Amino acid sequence: MYSLLKPCKTSAAFEAIPGERFSLDLDRCEEILKNVCTIVAHAGILLIVSDRCEVSIHKDGRLVLKTDSKDLACEQAGRIAGWLEGTPAIQKHRDWRNSERTNPSAGK
């Protein structure tokens, strides 16, 4: 689910970037994640949870993992992805270019 983990520019943290475009329904994320980690805050535009480190979960799927350990950040991103993968919390985006190729009336 996450293809890139890079150091965050503004703090001692890492940012996990989704490998494909999707949106997260943060209300559903909260419902799922409250059973496996601590909900720190739900600010509407992001959800902050605490498990092995604190994680800010953004609607566009980005994760900001507050730790200076890349190994811990990778592990935590994998845990979050595992808990959310295949649930209704993830809303995949259709690629409009592919839908036009398969449906000639699309985009008219």
PDB file of N, CA and C in Angstrom:
ATOM      1  N   MET A   1       0.826  -1.187   0.000  1.00  0.00           N
ATOM      2  CA  MET A   1       0.000   0.000   0.000  1.00  0.00           C
ATOM      3  C   MET A   1       0.871   1.252   0.000  1.00  0.00           C
ATOM      4  N   TYR A   2       1.951   1.252   0.767  1.00  0.00           N
ATOM      5  CA  TYR A   2       2.846   2.403   0.829  1.00  0.00           C
ATOM      6  C   TYR A   2       4.139   2.074   0.113  1.00  0.00           C
ATOM      7  N   SER A   3       4.500   2.947  -0.841  1.00  0.00           N
ATOM      8  CA  SER A   3       5.654   2.645  -1.661  1.00  0.00           C
ATOM      9  C   SER A   3       6.876   3.463  -1.291  1.00  0.00           C
ATOM     10  N   LEU A   4       6.717   4.532  -0.543  1.00  0.00           N
ATOM     11  CA  LEU A   4       7.844   5.396  -0.258  1.00  0.00           C
ATOM     12  C   LEU A   4       7.800   5.828   1.195  1.00  0.00           C
ATOM     13  N   LEU A   5       8.917   5.693   1.850  1.00  0.00           N
ATOM     14  CA  LEU A   5       9.050   6.182   3.216  1.00  0.00           C
ATOM     15  C   LEU A   5      10.230   7.126   3.204  1.00  0.00           C
ATOM     16  N   LYS A   6       9.987   8.394   3.536  1.00  0.00           N
ATOM     17  CA  LYS A   6      11.062   9.367   3.490  1.00  0.00           C
ATOM     18  C   LYS A   6      11.039  10.204   4.761  1.00  0.00           C
ATOM     19  N   PRO A   7      12.199  10.754   5.135  1.00  0.00           N
ATOM     20  CA  PRO A   7      12.220  11.615   6.327  1.00  0.00           C
ATOM     21  C   PRO A   7      11.333  12.831   6.121  1.00  0.00           C
ATOM     22  N   CYS A   8      10.624  13.207   7.151  1.00  0.00           N
ATOM     23  CA  CYS A   8       9.774  14.388   7.115  1.00  0.00           C
ATOM     24  C   CYS A   8      10.671  15.618   7.234  1.00  0.00           C
ATOM     25  N   LYS A   9      10.391  16.647   6.469  1.00  0.00           N
ATOM     26  CA  LYS A   9      11.247  17.835   6.424  1.00  0.00           C
ATOM     27  C   LYS A   9      11.133  18.695   7.672  1.00  0.00           C
ATOM     28  N   THR A  10       9.986  18.648   8.346  1.00  0.00           N
ATOM     29  CA  THR A  10       9.750  19.607   9.424  1.00  0.00           C
ATOM     30  C   THR A  10       9.945  19.062  10.831  1.00  0.00           C
ATOM     31  N   SER A  11      10.145  17.755  10.992  1.00  0.00           N
ATOM     32  CA  SER A  11      10.271  17.215  12.345  1.00  0.00           C
ATOM     33  C   SER A  11      11.002  15.879  12.312  1.00  0.00           C
ATOM     34  N   ALA A  12      11.225  15.338  13.490  1.00  0.00           N
ATOM     35  CA  ALA A  12      11.852  14.015  13.604  1.00  0.00           C
ATOM     36  C   ALA A  12      10.780  12.969  13.338  1.00  0.00           C
ATOM     37  N   ALA A  13      10.491  12.772  12.071  1.00  0.00           N
ATOM     38  CA  ALA A  13       9.419  11.869  11.680  1.00  0.00           C
ATOM     39  C   ALA A  13       9.696  11.361  10.269  1.00  0.00           C
ATOM     40  N   PHE A  14       8.900  10.386   9.868  1.00  0.00           N
ATOM     41  CA  PHE A  14       8.951   9.852   8.510  1.00  0.00           C
ATOM     42  C   PHE A  14       7.567   9.987   7.894  1.00  0.00           C
ATOM     43  N   GLU A  15       7.562  10.135   6.584  1.00  0.00           N
ATOM     44  CA  GLU A  15       6.307  10.240   5.851  1.00  0.00           C
ATOM     45  C   GLU A  15       6.178   9.026   4.944  1.00  0.00           C
ATOM     46  N   ALA A  16       5.043   8.332   5.041  1.00  0.00           N
ATOM     47  CA  ALA A  16       4.743   7.199   4.171  1.00  0.00           C
ATOM     48  C   ALA A  16       3.794   7.694   3.092  1.00  0.00           C
ATOM     49  N   ILE A  17       4.198   7.483   1.835  1.00  0.00           N
ATOM     50  CA  ILE A  17       3.434   7.948   0.685  1.00  0.00           C
ATOM     51  C   ILE A  17       2.749   6.750   0.032  1.00  0.00           C
ATOM     52  N   PRO A  18       1.442   6.828  -0.214  1.00  0.00           N
ATOM     53  CA  PRO A  18       0.742   5.707  -0.860  1.00  0.00           C
ATOM     54  C   PRO A  18       1.294   5.433  -2.265  1.00  0.00           C
ATOM     55  N   GLY A  19       1.320   4.166  -2.644  1.00  0.00           N
ATOM     56  CA  GLY A  19       1.771   3.763  -3.963  1.00  0.00           C
ATOM     57  C   GLY A  19       0.743   4.022  -5.048  1.00  0.00           C
ATOM     58  N   GLU A  20      -0.518   4.186  -4.669  1.00  0.00           N
ATOM     59  CA  GLU A  20      -1.581   4.487  -5.624  1.00  0.00           C
ATOM     60  C   GLU A  20      -2.516   5.502  -4.985  1.00  0.00           C
ATOM     61  N   ARG A  21      -3.294   6.189  -5.815  1.00  0.00           N
ATOM     62  CA  ARG A  21      -4.216   7.208  -5.302  1.00  0.00           C
ATOM     63  C   ARG A  21      -5.417   6.563  -4.625  1.00  0.00           C
ATOM     64  N   PHE A  22      -5.709   7.030  -3.440  1.00  0.00           N
ATOM     65  CA  PHE A  22      -6.931   6.653  -2.735  1.00  0.00           C
ATOM     66  C   PHE A  22      -7.220   7.703  -1.684  1.00  0.00           C
ATOM     67  N   SER A  23      -8.421   7.703  -1.185  1.00  0.00           N
ATOM     68  CA  SER A  23      -8.824   8.584  -0.094  1.00  0.00           C
ATOM     69  C   SER A  23      -9.182   7.711   1.096  1.00  0.00           C
ATOM     70  N   LEU A  24      -9.052   8.283   2.252  1.00  0.00           N
ATOM     71  CA  LEU A  24      -9.447   7.580   3.468  1.00  0.00           C
ATOM     72  C   LEU A  24     -10.669   8.258   4.069  1.00  0.00           C
ATOM     73  N   ASP A  25     -11.620   7.466   4.475  1.00  0.00           N
ATOM     74  CA  ASP A  25     -12.752   7.941   5.258  1.00  0.00           C
ATOM     75  C   ASP A  25     -12.270   7.885   6.701  1.00  0.00           C
ATOM     76  N   LEU A  26     -11.927   9.037   7.251  1.00  0.00           N
ATOM     77  CA  LEU A  26     -11.299   9.070   8.576  1.00  0.00           C
ATOM     78  C   LEU A  26     -12.240   8.619   9.689  1.00  0.00           C
ATOM     79  N   ASP A  27     -13.552   8.806   9.503  1.00  0.00           N
ATOM     80  CA  ASP A  27     -14.506   8.314  10.506  1.00  0.00           C
ATOM     81  C   ASP A  27     -14.441   6.782  10.569  1.00  0.00           C
ATOM     82  N   ARG A  28     -14.408   6.150   9.393  1.00  0.00           N
ATOM     83  CA  ARG A  28     -14.302   4.686   9.358  1.00  0.00           C
ATOM     84  C   ARG A  28     -12.943   4.222   9.864  1.00  0.00           C
ATOM     85  N   CYS A  29     -11.896   4.968   9.519  1.00  0.00           N
ATOM     86  CA  CYS A  29     -10.564   4.632  10.044  1.00  0.00           C
ATOM     87  C   CYS A  29     -10.575   4.625  11.572  1.00  0.00           C
ATOM     88  N   GLU A  30     -11.198   5.645  12.142  1.00  0.00           N
ATOM     89  CA  GLU A  30     -11.271   5.723  13.606  1.00  0.00           C
ATOM     90  C   GLU A  30     -12.000   4.510  14.184  1.00  0.00           C
ATOM     91  N   GLU A  31     -13.124   4.126  13.568  1.00  0.00           N
ATOM     92  CA  GLU A  31     -13.876   2.969  14.045  1.00  0.00           C
ATOM     93  C   GLU A  31     -13.027   1.692  14.019  1.00  0.00           C
ATOM     94  N   ILE A  32     -12.249   1.526  12.958  1.00  0.00           N
ATOM     95  CA  ILE A  32     -11.406   0.332  12.818  1.00  0.00           C
ATOM     96  C   ILE A  32     -10.215   0.385  13.773  1.00  0.00           C
ATOM     97  N   LEU A  33      -9.539   1.527  13.802  1.00  0.00           N
ATOM     98  CA  LEU A  33      -8.282   1.621  14.545  1.00  0.00           C
ATOM     99  C   LEU A  33      -8.469   1.727  16.059  1.00  0.00           C
ATOM    100  N   LYS A  34      -9.650   2.155  16.509  1.00  0.00           N
ATOM    101  CA  LYS A  34      -9.852   2.282  17.963  1.00  0.00           C
ATOM    102  C   LYS A  34      -9.770   0.926  18.667  1.00  0.00           C
ATOM    103  N   ASN A  35      -9.923  -0.147  17.903  1.00  0.00           N
ATOM    104  CA  ASN A  35      -9.835  -1.489  18.484  1.00  0.00           C
ATOM    105  C   ASN A  35      -8.407  -2.005  18.611  1.00  0.00           C
ATOM    106  N   VAL A  36      -7.451  -1.339  17.945  1.00  0.00           N
ATOM    107  CA  VAL A  36      -6.079  -1.854  17.934  1.00  0.00           C
ATOM    108  C   VAL A  36      -5.041  -0.835  18.389  1.00  0.00           C
ATOM    109  N   CYS A  37      -5.422   0.431  18.506  1.00  0.00           N
ATOM    110  CA  CYS A  37      -4.487   1.435  19.004  1.00  0.00           C
ATOM    111  C   CYS A  37      -5.265   2.564  19.678  1.00  0.00           C
ATOM    112  N   THR A  38      -4.560   3.524  20.210  1.00  0.00           N
ATOM    113  CA  THR A  38      -5.190   4.630  20.920  1.00  0.00           C
ATOM    114  C   THR A  38      -5.466   5.775  19.958  1.00  0.00           C
ATOM    115  N   ILE A  39      -6.694   6.288  19.981  1.00  0.00           N
ATOM    116  CA  ILE A  39      -7.042   7.459  19.187  1.00  0.00           C
ATOM    117  C   ILE A  39      -6.631   8.679  20.010  1.00  0.00           C
ATOM    118  N   VAL A  40      -5.726   9.478  19.456  1.00  0.00           N
ATOM    119  CA  VAL A  40      -5.253  10.676  20.146  1.00  0.00           C
ATOM    120  C   VAL A  40      -6.154  11.858  19.821  1.00  0.00           C
ATOM    121  N   ALA A  41      -6.477  12.038  18.537  1.00  0.00           N
ATOM    122  CA  ALA A  41      -7.331  13.150  18.112  1.00  0.00           C
ATOM    123  C   ALA A  41      -7.912  12.854  16.742  1.00  0.00           C
ATOM    124  N   HIS A  42      -9.113  13.380  16.518  1.00  0.00           N
ATOM    125  CA  HIS A  42      -9.741  13.317  15.197  1.00  0.00           C
ATOM    126  C   HIS A  42     -10.137  14.745  14.869  1.00  0.00           C
ATOM    127  N   ALA A  43      -9.346  15.373  14.001  1.00  0.00           N
ATOM    128  CA  ALA A  43      -9.537  16.788  13.698  1.00  0.00           C
ATOM    129  C   ALA A  43     -10.308  17.027  12.407  1.00  0.00           C
ATOM    130  N   GLY A  44     -10.938  15.997  11.868  1.00  0.00           N
ATOM    131  CA  GLY A  44     -11.696  16.158  10.632  1.00  0.00           C
ATOM    132  C   GLY A  44     -10.832  15.988   9.393  1.00  0.00           C
ATOM    133  N   ILE A  45      -9.724  16.717   9.328  1.00  0.00           N
ATOM    134  CA  ILE A  45      -8.835  16.614   8.168  1.00  0.00           C
ATOM    135  C   ILE A  45      -7.729  15.593   8.378  1.00  0.00           C
ATOM    136  N   LEU A  46      -7.538  15.179   9.622  1.00  0.00           N
ATOM    137  CA  LEU A  46      -6.577  14.123   9.921  1.00  0.00           C
ATOM    138  C   LEU A  46      -6.943  13.423  11.209  1.00  0.00           C
ATOM    139  N   LEU A  47      -6.445  12.203  11.302  1.00  0.00           N
ATOM    140  CA  LEU A  47      -6.679  11.357  12.473  1.00  0.00           C
ATOM    141  C   LEU A  47      -5.315  11.048  13.076  1.00  0.00           C
ATOM    142  N   ILE A  48      -5.164  11.258  14.371  1.00  0.00           N
ATOM    143  CA  ILE A  48      -3.899  10.963  15.041  1.00  0.00           C
ATOM    144  C   ILE A  48      -4.118   9.770  15.951  1.00  0.00           C
ATOM    145  N   VAL A  49      -3.276   8.736  15.762  1.00  0.00           N
ATOM    146  CA  VAL A  49      -3.360   7.529  16.571  1.00  0.00           C
ATOM    147  C   VAL A  49      -1.998   7.247  17.189  1.00  0.00           C
ATOM    148  N   SER A  50      -2.008   6.445  18.229  1.00  0.00           N
ATOM    149  CA  SER A  50      -0.768   6.047  18.881  1.00  0.00           C
ATOM    150  C   SER A  50      -0.762   4.531  19.026  1.00  0.00           C
ATOM    151  N   ASP A  51       0.306   3.920  18.531  1.00  0.00           N
ATOM    152  CA  ASP A  51       0.511   2.488  18.674  1.00  0.00           C
ATOM    153  C   ASP A  51       1.957   2.323  19.136  1.00  0.00           C
ATOM    154  N   ARG A  52       2.838   1.972  18.253  1.00  0.00           N
ATOM    155  CA  ARG A  52       4.266   1.892  18.600  1.00  0.00           C
ATOM    156  C   ARG A  52       4.938   3.250  18.463  1.00  0.00           C
ATOM    157  N   CYS A  53       4.282   4.147  17.727  1.00  0.00           N
ATOM    158  CA  CYS A  53       4.659   5.555  17.649  1.00  0.00           C
ATOM    159  C   CYS A  53       3.399   6.332  17.302  1.00  0.00           C
ATOM    160  N   GLU A  54       3.458   7.636  17.391  1.00  0.00           N
ATOM    161  CA  GLU A  54       2.304   8.451  17.030  1.00  0.00           C
ATOM    162  C   GLU A  54       2.246   8.604  15.512  1.00  0.00           C
ATOM    163  N   VAL A  55       1.046   8.474  14.946  1.00  0.00           N
ATOM    164  CA  VAL A  55       0.864   8.522  13.495  1.00  0.00           C
ATOM    165  C   VAL A  55      -0.260   9.496  13.157  1.00  0.00           C
ATOM    166  N   SER A  56       0.048  10.445  12.279  1.00  0.00           N
ATOM    167  CA  SER A  56      -0.978  11.338  11.730  1.00  0.00           C
ATOM    168  C   SER A  56      -1.417  10.742  10.403  1.00  0.00           C
ATOM    169  N   ILE A  57      -2.702  10.453  10.294  1.00  0.00           N
ATOM    170  CA  ILE A  57      -3.267   9.832   9.101  1.00  0.00           C
ATOM    171  C   ILE A  57      -4.062  10.897   8.360  1.00  0.00           C
ATOM    172  N   HIS A  58      -3.678  11.156   7.116  1.00  0.00           N
ATOM    173  CA  HIS A  58      -4.319  12.191   6.308  1.00  0.00           C
ATOM    174  C   HIS A  58      -5.338  11.575   5.362  1.00  0.00           C
ATOM    175  N   LYS A  59      -6.329  12.373   4.948  1.00  0.00           N
ATOM    176  CA  LYS A  59      -7.384  11.889   4.048  1.00  0.00           C
ATOM    177  C   LYS A  59      -6.837  11.343   2.741  1.00  0.00           C
ATOM    178  N   ASP A  60      -5.708  11.888   2.267  1.00  0.00           N
ATOM    179  CA  ASP A  60      -5.143  11.430   0.998  1.00  0.00           C
ATOM    180  C   ASP A  60      -4.298  10.164   1.156  1.00  0.00           C
ATOM    181  N   GLY A  61      -4.296   9.592   2.367  1.00  0.00           N
ATOM    182  CA  GLY A  61      -3.586   8.346   2.610  1.00  0.00           C
ATOM    183  C   GLY A  61      -2.182   8.498   3.151  1.00  0.00           C
ATOM    184  N   ARG A  62      -1.642   9.715   3.139  1.00  0.00           N
ATOM    185  CA  ARG A  62      -0.292   9.913   3.685  1.00  0.00           C
ATOM    186  C   ARG A  62      -0.287   9.655   5.189  1.00  0.00           C
ATOM    187  N   LEU A  63       0.808   9.102   5.658  1.00  0.00           N
ATOM    188  CA  LEU A  63       1.022   8.898   7.085  1.00  0.00           C
ATOM    189  C   LEU A  63       2.262   9.670   7.501  1.00  0.00           C
ATOM    190  N   VAL A  64       2.190  10.381   8.609  1.00  0.00           N
ATOM    191  CA  VAL A  64       3.363  10.999   9.209  1.00  0.00           C
ATOM    192  C   VAL A  64       3.597  10.257  10.516  1.00  0.00           C
ATOM    193  N   LEU A  65       4.742   9.580  10.583  1.00  0.00           N
ATOM    194  CA  LEU A  65       5.059   8.701  11.709  1.00  0.00           C
ATOM    195  C   LEU A  65       6.131   9.370  12.563  1.00  0.00           C
ATOM    196  N   LYS A  66       5.776   9.730  13.785  1.00  0.00           N
ATOM    197  CA  LYS A  66       6.685  10.469  14.660  1.00  0.00           C
ATOM    198  C   LYS A  66       7.640   9.521  15.369  1.00  0.00           C
ATOM    199  N   THR A  67       8.771   9.309  14.738  1.00  0.00           N
ATOM    200  CA  THR A  67       9.847   8.505  15.295  1.00  0.00           C
ATOM    201  C   THR A  67      11.113   8.843  14.530  1.00  0.00           C
ATOM    202  N   ASP A  68      12.258   8.641  15.153  1.00  0.00           N
ATOM    203  CA  ASP A  68      13.514   8.848  14.429  1.00  0.00           C
ATOM    204  C   ASP A  68      14.072   7.524  13.902  1.00  0.00           C
ATOM    205  N   SER A  69      13.310   6.446  14.066  1.00  0.00           N
ATOM    206  CA  SER A  69      13.725   5.121  13.605  1.00  0.00           C
ATOM    207  C   SER A  69      12.998   4.760  12.309  1.00  0.00           C
ATOM    208  N   LYS A  70      13.751   4.632  11.233  1.00  0.00           N
ATOM    209  CA  LYS A  70      13.144   4.253   9.952  1.00  0.00           C
ATOM    210  C   LYS A  70      12.533   2.857  10.048  1.00  0.00           C
ATOM    211  N   ASP A  71      13.185   1.943  10.764  1.00  0.00           N
ATOM    212  CA  ASP A  71      12.650   0.586  10.911  1.00  0.00           C
ATOM    213  C   ASP A  71      11.296   0.602  11.613  1.00  0.00           C
ATOM    214  N   LEU A  72      11.198   1.370  12.696  1.00  0.00           N
ATOM    215  CA  LEU A  72       9.924   1.466  13.416  1.00  0.00           C
ATOM    216  C   LEU A  72       8.865   2.116  12.535  1.00  0.00           C
ATOM    217  N   ALA A  73       9.231   3.159  11.784  1.00  0.00           N
ATOM    218  CA  ALA A  73       8.280   3.824  10.891  1.00  0.00           C
ATOM    219  C   ALA A  73       7.765   2.850   9.830  1.00  0.00           C
ATOM    220  N   CYS A  74       8.659   2.056   9.240  1.00  0.00           N
ATOM    221  CA  CYS A  74       8.248   1.059   8.234  1.00  0.00           C
ATOM    222  C   CYS A  74       7.300   0.033   8.844  1.00  0.00           C
ATOM    223  N   GLU A  75       7.664  -0.434  10.025  1.00  0.00           N
ATOM    224  CA  GLU A  75       6.831  -1.434  10.703  1.00  0.00           C
ATOM    225  C   GLU A  75       5.450  -0.866  11.023  1.00  0.00           C
ATOM    226  N   GLN A  76       5.417   0.364  11.530  1.00  0.00           N
ATOM    227  CA  GLN A  76       4.138   0.971  11.904  1.00  0.00           C
ATOM    228  C   GLN A  76       3.286   1.272  10.679  1.00  0.00           C
ATOM    229  N   ALA A  77       3.884   1.735   9.597  1.00  0.00           N
ATOM    230  CA  ALA A  77       3.127   1.978   8.359  1.00  0.00           C
ATOM    231  C   ALA A  77       2.514   0.668   7.866  1.00  0.00           C
ATOM    232  N   GLY A  78       3.262  -0.415   7.968  1.00  0.00           N
ATOM    233  CA  GLY A  78       2.745  -1.725   7.574  1.00  0.00           C
ATOM    234  C   GLY A  78       1.589  -2.181   8.448  1.00  0.00           C
ATOM    235  N   ARG A  79       1.678  -1.895   9.740  1.00  0.00           N
ATOM    236  CA  ARG A  79       0.592  -2.262  10.656  1.00  0.00           C
ATOM    237  C   ARG A  79      -0.683  -1.491  10.318  1.00  0.00           C
ATOM    238  N   ILE A  80      -0.551  -0.179  10.105  1.00  0.00           N
ATOM    239  CA  ILE A  80      -1.713   0.650   9.748  1.00  0.00           C
ATOM    240  C   ILE A  80      -2.315   0.149   8.434  1.00  0.00           C
ATOM    241  N   ALA A  81      -1.460  -0.079   7.444  1.00  0.00           N
ATOM    242  CA  ALA A  81      -1.932  -0.566   6.139  1.00  0.00           C
ATOM    243  C   ALA A  81      -2.650  -1.896   6.295  1.00  0.00           C
ATOM    244  N   GLY A  82      -2.112  -2.784   7.102  1.00  0.00           N
ATOM    245  CA  GLY A  82      -2.733  -4.088   7.315  1.00  0.00           C
ATOM    246  C   GLY A  82      -4.098  -3.990   7.967  1.00  0.00           C
ATOM    247  N   TRP A  83      -4.237  -3.069   8.897  1.00  0.00           N
ATOM    248  CA  TRP A  83      -5.523  -2.907   9.569  1.00  0.00           C
ATOM    249  C   TRP A  83      -6.570  -2.301   8.649  1.00  0.00           C
ATOM    250  N   LEU A  84      -6.152  -1.448   7.711  1.00  0.00           N
ATOM    251  CA  LEU A  84      -7.108  -0.737   6.855  1.00  0.00           C
ATOM    252  C   LEU A  84      -7.333  -1.387   5.495  1.00  0.00           C
ATOM    253  N   GLU A  85      -6.357  -2.142   5.022  1.00  0.00           N
ATOM    254  CA  GLU A  85      -6.449  -2.752   3.685  1.00  0.00           C
ATOM    255  C   GLU A  85      -7.712  -3.602   3.564  1.00  0.00           C
ATOM    256  N   GLY A  86      -8.441  -3.400   2.478  1.00  0.00           N
ATOM    257  CA  GLY A  86      -9.640  -4.192   2.216  1.00  0.00           C
ATOM    258  C   GLY A  86     -10.869  -3.771   2.995  1.00  0.00           C
ATOM    259  N   THR A  87     -10.792  -2.656   3.711  1.00  0.00           N
ATOM    260  CA  THR A  87     -11.950  -2.175   4.468  1.00  0.00           C
ATOM    261  C   THR A  87     -12.625  -1.030   3.713  1.00  0.00           C
ATOM    262  N   PRO A  88     -13.864  -0.695   4.093  1.00  0.00           N
ATOM    263  CA  PRO A  88     -14.548   0.436   3.447  1.00  0.00           C
ATOM    264  C   PRO A  88     -13.925   1.789   3.779  1.00  0.00           C
ATOM    265  N   ALA A  89     -12.933   1.827   4.652  1.00  0.00           N
ATOM    266  CA  ALA A  89     -12.263   3.088   4.973  1.00  0.00           C
ATOM    267  C   ALA A  89     -11.442   3.595   3.797  1.00  0.00           C
ATOM    268  N   ILE A  90     -11.047   2.680   2.902  1.00  0.00           N
ATOM    269  CA  ILE A  90     -10.237   3.045   1.742  1.00  0.00           C
ATOM    270  C   ILE A  90     -11.147   3.200   0.534  1.00  0.00           C
ATOM    271  N   GLN A  91     -11.077   4.371  -0.063  1.00  0.00           N
ATOM    272  CA  GLN A  91     -11.876   4.665  -1.251  1.00  0.00           C
ATOM    273  C   GLN A  91     -10.907   4.876  -2.406  1.00  0.00           C
ATOM    274  N   LYS A  92     -10.797   3.851  -3.263  1.00  0.00           N
ATOM    275  CA  LYS A  92      -9.855   3.904  -4.388  1.00  0.00           C
ATOM    276  C   LYS A  92     -10.379   4.846  -5.459  1.00  0.00           C
ATOM    277  N   HIS A  93      -9.443   5.544  -6.088  1.00  0.00           N
ATOM    278  CA  HIS A  93      -9.787   6.454  -7.185  1.00  0.00           C
ATOM    279  C   HIS A  93      -9.652   5.722  -8.501  1.00  0.00           C
ATOM    280  N   ARG A  94     -10.598   5.945  -9.374  1.00  0.00           N
ATOM    281  CA  ARG A  94     -10.495   5.395 -10.727  1.00  0.00           C
ATOM    282  C   ARG A  94      -9.640   6.323 -11.560  1.00  0.00           C
ATOM    283  N   ASP A  95      -8.828   5.767 -12.399  1.00  0.00           N
ATOM    284  CA  ASP A  95      -7.999   6.542 -13.310  1.00  0.00           C
ATOM    285  C   ASP A  95      -8.858   6.913 -14.518  1.00  0.00           C
ATOM    286  N   TRP A  96      -9.187   8.189 -14.669  1.00  0.00           N
ATOM    287  CA  TRP A  96     -10.089   8.617 -15.745  1.00  0.00           C
ATOM    288  C   TRP A  96      -9.539   8.265 -17.118  1.00  0.00           C
ATOM    289  N   ARG A  97      -8.228   8.209 -17.280  1.00  0.00           N
ATOM    290  CA  ARG A  97      -7.654   7.867 -18.584  1.00  0.00           C
ATOM    291  C   ARG A  97      -7.967   6.421 -18.942  1.00  0.00           C
ATOM    292  N   ASN A  98      -7.884   5.511 -17.986  1.00  0.00           N
ATOM    293  CA  ASN A  98      -8.198   4.111 -18.250  1.00  0.00           C
ATOM    294  C   ASN A  98      -9.690   3.913 -18.503  1.00  0.00           C
ATOM    295  N   SER A  99     -10.553   4.648 -17.804  1.00  0.00           N
ATOM    296  CA  SER A  99     -11.991   4.474 -18.008  1.00  0.00           C
ATOM    297  C   SER A  99     -12.406   4.981 -19.382  1.00  0.00           C
ATOM    298  N   GLU A 100     -11.717   6.000 -19.916  1.00  0.00           N
ATOM    299  CA  GLU A 100     -12.034   6.478 -21.256  1.00  0.00           C
ATOM    300  C   GLU A 100     -11.664   5.449 -22.309  1.00  0.00           C
ATOM    301  N   ARG A 101     -10.560   4.731 -22.084  1.00  0.00           N
ATOM    302  CA  ARG A 101     -10.132   3.712 -23.047  1.00  0.00           C
ATOM    303  C   ARG A 101     -11.106   2.549 -23.108  1.00  0.00           C
ATOM    304  N   THR A 102     -11.650   2.172 -21.958  1.00  0.00           N
ATOM    305  CA  THR A 102     -12.545   1.021 -21.928  1.00  0.00           C
ATOM    306  C   THR A 102     -13.998   1.410 -22.170  1.00  0.00           C
ATOM    307  N   ASN A 103     -14.326   2.684 -21.976  1.00  0.00           N
ATOM    308  CA  ASN A 103     -15.691   3.163 -22.191  1.00  0.00           C
ATOM    309  C   ASN A 103     -15.626   4.412 -23.076  1.00  0.00           C
ATOM    310  N   PRO A 104     -15.799   4.279 -24.386  1.00  0.00           N
ATOM    311  CA  PRO A 104     -15.663   5.414 -25.291  1.00  0.00           C
ATOM    312  C   PRO A 104     -16.619   6.562 -24.994  1.00  0.00           C
ATOM    313  N   SER A 105     -17.740   6.294 -24.338  1.00  0.00           N
ATOM    314  CA  SER A 105     -18.684   7.376 -24.046  1.00  0.00           C
ATOM    315  C   SER A 105     -18.287   8.157 -22.795  1.00  0.00           C
ATOM    316  N   ALA A 106     -17.308   7.633 -22.022  1.00  0.00           N
ATOM    317  CA  ALA A 106     -16.849   8.335 -20.824  1.00  0.00           C
ATOM    318  C   ALA A 106     -16.167   9.627 -21.239  1.00  0.00           C
ATOM    319  N   GLY A 107     -16.421  10.667 -20.516  1.00  0.00           N
ATOM    320  CA  GLY A 107     -15.785  11.941 -20.778  1.00  0.00           C
ATOM    321  C   GLY A 107     -16.496  12.780 -21.839  1.00  0.00           C
ATOM    322  N   LYS A 108     -17.609  12.288 -22.389  1.00  0.00           N
ATOM    323  CA  LYS A 108     -18.358  13.065 -23.388  1.00  0.00           C
ATOM    324  C   LYS A 108     -19.511  13.776 -22.744  1.00  0.00           C
TER     325      LYS A 108
END
